[in-house]
Amino acid sequence: MSTVSLQYEFRQRFHVSARKAFAWCTDFGPEDAGLYPGRRTRKVQWIAPDALVMTDTTYPKDQRLQISRLVRIRPKELSWTNTHLTGPYRHSQYWYRIFPSGPQASYLEFKGLLLDSVPGNPTPAEIRRLAEAHRKSDAATWRERLAPALERDLHHP
């Protein structure tokens, strides 16, 4: 097995102000587990006003998988980071930042540095394909699940 570094990024538009989008995105709680498919629970432990440990438990293929992440929040920059402490992508990091795009619009800039264990010694082209697959998957989660939930919650509280 080799560990590969997969770097990718994308943007996601929102039809809400940057401050409202940031507040929604960083209001972490156990109910967030319902935003994702499958059986999942989430525990959130705040360790400082700008830091928390989030632990998700999922059950893929009838097995129990627990993933803990350290989340650091930077309100002045409308940004946060998410660092995997445990789980299959241990030590991977994700950067999120919300930018205004008018008074009632904004967008998320997402940058991922995913460390993945893969068989053999993949070529640079294989690494690019893996990174693109993760980019597509993460972007789809935001486009199909998180952005619609954000807009639904903020337009119809």
Protein backbone atom coordinates (compact mmCIF):
# COMPACT_ATOMS: atom_id res chain seq x y z
CA MET A 1 0.00 0.00 0.00
CA SER A 2 1.10 3.53 -0.80
CA THR A 3 -0.13 6.77 0.69
CA VAL A 4 -0.99 9.33 -1.96
CA SER A 5 -1.71 13.01 -1.53
CA LEU A 6 -4.82 14.01 -3.46
CA GLN A 7 -5.33 17.74 -3.87
CA TYR A 8 -8.51 19.19 -5.30
CA GLU A 9 -10.87 22.13 -5.01
CA PHE A 10 -14.26 23.41 -6.07
CA ARG A 11 -16.73 26.24 -5.49
CA GLN A 12 -20.37 26.08 -4.47
CA ARG A 13 -22.78 29.01 -4.89
CA PHE A 14 -25.39 29.99 -2.32
CA HIS A 15 -28.39 32.31 -2.67
CA VAL A 16 -27.84 33.76 0.81
CA SER A 17 -25.44 36.31 2.26
CA ALA A 18 -21.91 35.23 3.14
CA ARG A 19 -22.45 35.79 6.88
CA LYS A 20 -25.65 33.72 6.91
CA ALA A 21 -24.01 30.93 4.91
CA PHE A 22 -21.00 30.90 7.26
CA ALA A 23 -23.23 30.81 10.36
CA TRP A 24 -25.21 27.87 8.95
CA CYS A 25 -22.08 25.96 7.88
CA THR A 26 -20.39 26.32 11.27
CA ASP A 27 -23.42 25.60 13.47
CA PHE A 28 -22.27 22.05 14.12
CA GLY A 29 -24.60 19.67 15.95
CA PRO A 30 -25.73 16.05 16.18
CA GLU A 31 -28.69 16.72 13.86
CA ASP A 32 -26.23 17.32 10.99
CA ALA A 33 -25.94 13.55 10.60
CA GLY A 34 -29.35 13.64 8.88
CA LEU A 35 -27.88 15.63 5.98
CA TYR A 36 -25.99 12.58 4.75
CA PRO A 37 -27.24 9.28 3.35
CA GLY A 38 -27.19 6.03 5.27
CA ARG A 39 -27.21 5.33 8.97
CA ARG A 40 -25.05 7.88 10.78
CA THR A 41 -24.73 9.54 14.17
CA ARG A 42 -22.71 12.61 15.04
CA LYS A 43 -21.25 13.74 18.34
CA VAL A 44 -19.93 17.31 18.67
CA GLN A 45 -17.62 18.28 21.51
CA TRP A 46 -16.69 21.95 21.71
CA ILE A 47 -13.20 22.31 23.18
CA ALA A 48 -12.84 26.10 22.72
CA PRO A 49 -15.05 28.83 21.22
CA ASP A 50 -13.30 28.31 17.88
CA ALA A 51 -12.54 24.57 18.03
CA LEU A 52 -14.48 21.34 18.24
CA VAL A 53 -14.06 17.63 17.76
CA MET A 54 -16.74 16.07 15.59
CA THR A 55 -17.13 12.28 15.67
CA ASP A 56 -19.28 10.53 13.08
CA THR A 57 -20.23 6.88 13.31
CA THR A 58 -21.44 5.21 10.12
CA TYR A 59 -22.32 1.65 9.24
CA PRO A 60 -21.10 0.89 5.70
CA LYS A 61 -21.65 -2.71 4.65
CA ASP A 62 -22.98 -3.53 8.15
CA GLN A 63 -19.66 -2.57 9.74
CA ARG A 64 -19.13 0.22 12.26
CA LEU A 65 -16.80 3.04 11.17
CA GLN A 66 -15.94 5.94 13.45
CA ILE A 67 -14.27 9.10 12.14
CA SER A 68 -13.14 11.96 14.36
CA ARG A 69 -12.23 15.39 13.03
CA LEU A 70 -10.78 18.53 14.57
CA VAL A 71 -12.62 21.61 13.27
CA ARG A 72 -11.12 25.09 13.71
CA ILE A 73 -13.33 28.11 12.98
CA ARG A 74 -12.10 31.56 11.93
CA PRO A 75 -15.13 33.89 11.99
CA LYS A 76 -13.26 37.02 10.84
CA GLU A 77 -12.22 35.23 7.63
CA LEU A 78 -15.53 33.34 7.29
CA SER A 79 -13.46 30.16 7.13
CA TRP A 80 -12.88 26.86 8.89
CA THR A 81 -10.67 23.81 8.63
CA ASN A 82 -11.47 20.15 9.13
CA THR A 83 -8.61 17.76 9.97
CA HIS A 84 -9.26 14.01 10.18
CA LEU A 85 -7.89 12.61 13.44
CA THR A 86 -9.09 9.04 12.91
CA GLY A 87 -10.62 6.97 10.15
CA PRO A 88 -9.58 5.94 6.65
CA TYR A 89 -8.38 9.43 5.67
CA ARG A 90 -6.43 10.15 8.86
CA HIS A 91 -4.45 13.43 8.71
CA SER A 92 -6.37 14.67 5.66
CA GLN A 93 -7.31 18.34 5.78
CA TYR A 94 -10.06 20.40 4.23
CA TRP A 95 -10.26 24.17 4.01
CA TYR A 96 -13.55 26.02 3.65
CA ARG A 97 -14.08 29.73 3.09
CA ILE A 98 -17.22 31.69 2.31
CA PHE A 99 -16.95 34.73 0.01
CA PRO A 100 -19.63 37.35 -0.63
CA SER A 101 -21.01 37.56 -4.15
CA GLY A 102 -23.48 40.39 -3.73
CA PRO A 103 -25.76 41.30 -0.80
CA GLN A 104 -27.82 38.09 -0.94
CA ALA A 105 -25.38 35.69 -2.58
CA SER A 106 -22.13 34.00 -1.67
CA TYR A 107 -19.99 31.03 -2.52
CA LEU A 108 -17.97 28.42 -0.73
CA GLU A 109 -14.38 27.83 -1.78
CA PHE A 110 -13.36 24.29 -0.80
CA LYS A 111 -9.78 22.96 -0.90
CA GLY A 112 -9.03 19.36 -0.02
CA LEU A 113 -5.79 17.62 0.83
CA LEU A 114 -6.81 14.00 1.14
CA LEU A 115 -4.27 11.37 2.18
CA ASP A 116 -5.39 7.99 0.86
CA SER A 117 -3.92 4.50 1.02
CA VAL A 118 -3.95 2.78 -2.36
CA PRO A 119 -2.53 -0.52 -3.60
CA GLY A 120 0.78 -0.54 -5.45
CA ASN A 121 2.58 2.50 -6.76
CA PRO A 122 0.06 4.62 -8.69
CA THR A 123 1.15 6.72 -11.64
CA PRO A 124 0.65 10.51 -11.68
CA ALA A 125 -2.30 10.00 -14.05
CA GLU A 126 -3.90 7.52 -11.62
CA ILE A 127 -3.40 9.99 -8.76
CA ARG A 128 -5.06 12.74 -10.82
CA ARG A 129 -8.02 10.43 -11.54
CA LEU A 130 -8.39 9.60 -7.84
CA ALA A 131 -8.28 13.30 -6.92
CA GLU A 132 -10.89 14.08 -9.57
CA ALA A 133 -13.16 11.31 -8.28
CA HIS A 134 -13.00 12.74 -4.74
CA ARG A 135 -13.53 16.28 -6.06
CA LYS A 136 -16.65 15.17 -7.93
CA SER A 137 -17.99 13.28 -4.92
CA ASP A 138 -17.43 16.13 -2.44
CA ALA A 139 -18.77 18.76 -4.87
CA ALA A 140 -21.88 16.62 -5.44
CA THR A 141 -22.47 16.38 -1.69
CA TRP A 142 -22.46 20.17 -1.45
CA ARG A 143 -24.49 20.69 -4.64
CA GLU A 144 -27.12 18.01 -3.98
CA ARG A 145 -27.42 17.91 -0.20
CA LEU A 146 -25.76 20.67 1.79
CA ALA A 147 -26.43 23.76 -0.36
CA PRO A 148 -30.14 22.91 -0.79
CA ALA A 149 -30.48 22.30 2.97
CA LEU A 150 -28.71 25.59 3.75
CA GLU A 151 -30.96 27.56 1.41
CA ARG A 152 -34.10 25.78 2.59
CA ASP A 153 -33.25 26.43 6.25
CA LEU A 154 -32.32 30.08 5.70
CA HIS A 155 -35.16 30.99 3.34
CA HIS A 156 -37.84 29.17 5.38
CA PRO A 157 -36.65 29.14 9.01
